[in-house]
Amino acid sequence: MNAPSPLLAGTLDLLILKTVSIGPMHGYAIAQHIQRLSNDALRVEEGSLYPALQRMQVKGWLASETKRSPTGRQARYYRLTAAGRKQLIA
């Protein structure tokens, strides 16, 4: 499998950072928000989303915690860090 191009990876990172800047969200909510905002033009698949979230945590742009979603399931919620906010405005 080919790695995403730097442009695509950078665009996905920006979309995720912008989405999470609204408030903490779990992965599915992040993907749904991006899809809704783009009027269904952009669909972020799990195979792209979760590696990107992991990469951004390693870079210190996102932090996460596990808690219950509104449906009662355990979910990992991602939030923007100070470094992530700085990256978003850079």
C-alpha atoms as a PDB file:
ATOM      1  CA  MET A   1       0.000   0.000   0.000  1.00  0.00           C
ATOM      2  CA  ASN A   2       1.383   3.409  -0.932  1.00  0.00           C
ATOM      3  CA  ALA A   3       1.802   6.096   1.714  1.00  0.00           C
ATOM      4  CA  PRO A   4      -0.405   9.156   1.280  1.00  0.00           C
ATOM      5  CA  SER A   5       1.225  12.043  -0.507  1.00  0.00           C
ATOM      6  CA  PRO A   6       2.474  14.868   1.749  1.00  0.00           C
ATOM      7  CA  LEU A   7      -0.232  17.148   0.372  1.00  0.00           C
ATOM      8  CA  LEU A   8      -2.991  14.680   1.211  1.00  0.00           C
ATOM      9  CA  ALA A   9      -1.556  13.911   4.652  1.00  0.00           C
ATOM     10  CA  GLY A  10      -1.179  17.627   5.393  1.00  0.00           C
ATOM     11  CA  THR A  11      -4.725  18.343   4.249  1.00  0.00           C
ATOM     12  CA  LEU A  12      -6.140  15.526   6.374  1.00  0.00           C
ATOM     13  CA  ASP A  13      -4.150  16.752   9.375  1.00  0.00           C
ATOM     14  CA  LEU A  14      -5.522  20.264   8.906  1.00  0.00           C
ATOM     15  CA  LEU A  15      -9.100  19.003   8.567  1.00  0.00           C
ATOM     16  CA  ILE A  16      -8.744  16.933  11.732  1.00  0.00           C
ATOM     17  CA  LEU A  17      -7.115  19.750  13.717  1.00  0.00           C
ATOM     18  CA  LYS A  18      -9.810  22.190  12.613  1.00  0.00           C
ATOM     19  CA  THR A  19     -12.554  19.717  13.499  1.00  0.00           C
ATOM     20  CA  VAL A  20     -11.145  18.904  16.941  1.00  0.00           C
ATOM     21  CA  SER A  21     -10.644  22.610  17.665  1.00  0.00           C
ATOM     22  CA  ILE A  22     -14.436  22.731  18.186  1.00  0.00           C
ATOM     23  CA  GLY A  23     -14.100  20.372  21.143  1.00  0.00           C
ATOM     24  CA  PRO A  24     -13.119  16.793  22.042  1.00  0.00           C
ATOM     25  CA  MET A  25     -14.478  14.182  19.624  1.00  0.00           C
ATOM     26  CA  HIS A  26     -14.143  10.473  19.000  1.00  0.00           C
ATOM     27  CA  GLY A  27     -12.881   9.209  15.658  1.00  0.00           C
ATOM     28  CA  TYR A  28     -16.267   8.420  14.143  1.00  0.00           C
ATOM     29  CA  ALA A  29     -17.560  11.895  15.050  1.00  0.00           C
ATOM     30  CA  ILE A  30     -14.482  13.479  13.457  1.00  0.00           C
ATOM     31  CA  ALA A  31     -15.074  11.574  10.203  1.00  0.00           C
ATOM     32  CA  GLN A  32     -18.789  12.438  10.229  1.00  0.00           C
ATOM     33  CA  HIS A  33     -18.096  16.133  10.871  1.00  0.00           C
ATOM     34  CA  ILE A  34     -15.672  16.352   7.943  1.00  0.00           C
ATOM     35  CA  GLN A  35     -18.153  14.564   5.686  1.00  0.00           C
ATOM     36  CA  ARG A  36     -21.015  16.836   6.781  1.00  0.00           C
ATOM     37  CA  LEU A  37     -19.009  20.035   6.311  1.00  0.00           C
ATOM     38  CA  SER A  38     -17.983  18.986   2.825  1.00  0.00           C
ATOM     39  CA  ASN A  39     -21.579  18.121   1.852  1.00  0.00           C
ATOM     40  CA  ASP A  40     -20.506  14.470   1.451  1.00  0.00           C
ATOM     41  CA  ALA A  41     -17.656  15.367  -0.929  1.00  0.00           C
ATOM     42  CA  LEU A  42     -15.005  14.142   1.526  1.00  0.00           C
ATOM     43  CA  ARG A  43     -15.190  10.790   3.238  1.00  0.00           C
ATOM     44  CA  VAL A  44     -12.389   9.950   5.639  1.00  0.00           C
ATOM     45  CA  GLU A  45     -11.978   6.185   5.826  1.00  0.00           C
ATOM     46  CA  GLU A  46     -10.818   4.431   9.004  1.00  0.00           C
ATOM     47  CA  GLY A  47      -7.634   3.333   7.245  1.00  0.00           C
ATOM     48  CA  SER A  48      -6.657   6.995   6.826  1.00  0.00           C
ATOM     49  CA  LEU A  49      -8.229   8.533   9.920  1.00  0.00           C
ATOM     50  CA  TYR A  50      -6.805   6.422  12.722  1.00  0.00           C
ATOM     51  CA  PRO A  51      -3.190   6.421  11.480  1.00  0.00           C
ATOM     52  CA  ALA A  52      -3.463  10.220  11.124  1.00  0.00           C
ATOM     53  CA  LEU A  53      -4.831  10.556  14.670  1.00  0.00           C
ATOM     54  CA  GLN A  54      -1.992   8.375  15.980  1.00  0.00           C
ATOM     55  CA  ARG A  55       0.606  10.373  14.035  1.00  0.00           C
ATOM     56  CA  MET A  56      -0.746  13.645  15.409  1.00  0.00           C
ATOM     57  CA  GLN A  57      -0.660  12.284  18.960  1.00  0.00           C
ATOM     58  CA  VAL A  58       2.986  11.297  18.500  1.00  0.00           C
ATOM     59  CA  LYS A  59       3.717  14.838  17.257  1.00  0.00           C
ATOM     60  CA  GLY A  60       1.972  16.221  20.345  1.00  0.00           C
ATOM     61  CA  TRP A  61      -0.800  17.972  18.391  1.00  0.00           C
ATOM     62  CA  LEU A  62      -3.576  15.849  19.905  1.00  0.00           C
ATOM     63  CA  ALA A  63      -4.161  14.205  23.256  1.00  0.00           C
ATOM     64  CA  SER A  64      -6.734  11.525  23.922  1.00  0.00           C
ATOM     65  CA  GLU A  65      -8.662   9.858  26.674  1.00  0.00           C
ATOM     66  CA  THR A  66     -11.073   6.968  26.770  1.00  0.00           C
ATOM     67  CA  LYS A  67     -14.583   7.637  28.014  1.00  0.00           C
ATOM     68  CA  ARG A  68     -18.181   6.670  27.298  1.00  0.00           C
ATOM     69  CA  SER A  69     -19.838   7.998  24.163  1.00  0.00           C
ATOM     70  CA  PRO A  70     -23.479   9.145  24.195  1.00  0.00           C
ATOM     71  CA  THR A  71     -24.414   5.613  23.050  1.00  0.00           C
ATOM     72  CA  GLY A  72     -22.752   4.127  26.145  1.00  0.00           C
ATOM     73  CA  ARG A  73     -19.793   2.591  24.336  1.00  0.00           C
ATOM     74  CA  GLN A  74     -16.176   3.191  25.292  1.00  0.00           C
ATOM     75  CA  ALA A  75     -14.527   5.543  22.803  1.00  0.00           C
ATOM     76  CA  ARG A  76     -11.245   7.396  22.525  1.00  0.00           C
ATOM     77  CA  TYR A  77     -11.855  11.150  22.503  1.00  0.00           C
ATOM     78  CA  TYR A  78      -9.249  13.390  20.882  1.00  0.00           C
ATOM     79  CA  ARG A  79      -8.623  16.978  21.890  1.00  0.00           C
ATOM     80  CA  LEU A  80      -6.367  19.693  20.560  1.00  0.00           C
ATOM     81  CA  THR A  81      -3.218  20.474  22.542  1.00  0.00           C
ATOM     82  CA  ALA A  82      -1.416  23.813  22.702  1.00  0.00           C
ATOM     83  CA  ALA A  83       1.044  22.469  20.106  1.00  0.00           C
ATOM     84  CA  GLY A  84      -1.879  21.417  17.908  1.00  0.00           C
ATOM     85  CA  ARG A  85      -3.457  24.858  18.185  1.00  0.00           C
ATOM     86  CA  LYS A  86      -0.120  26.404  17.213  1.00  0.00           C
ATOM     87  CA  GLN A  87       0.105  24.052  14.211  1.00  0.00           C
ATOM     88  CA  LEU A  88      -3.433  24.944  13.171  1.00  0.00           C
ATOM     89  CA  ILE A  89      -2.676  28.664  12.977  1.00  0.00           C
ATOM     90  CA  ALA A  90       0.778  28.197  11.413  1.00  0.00           C
END
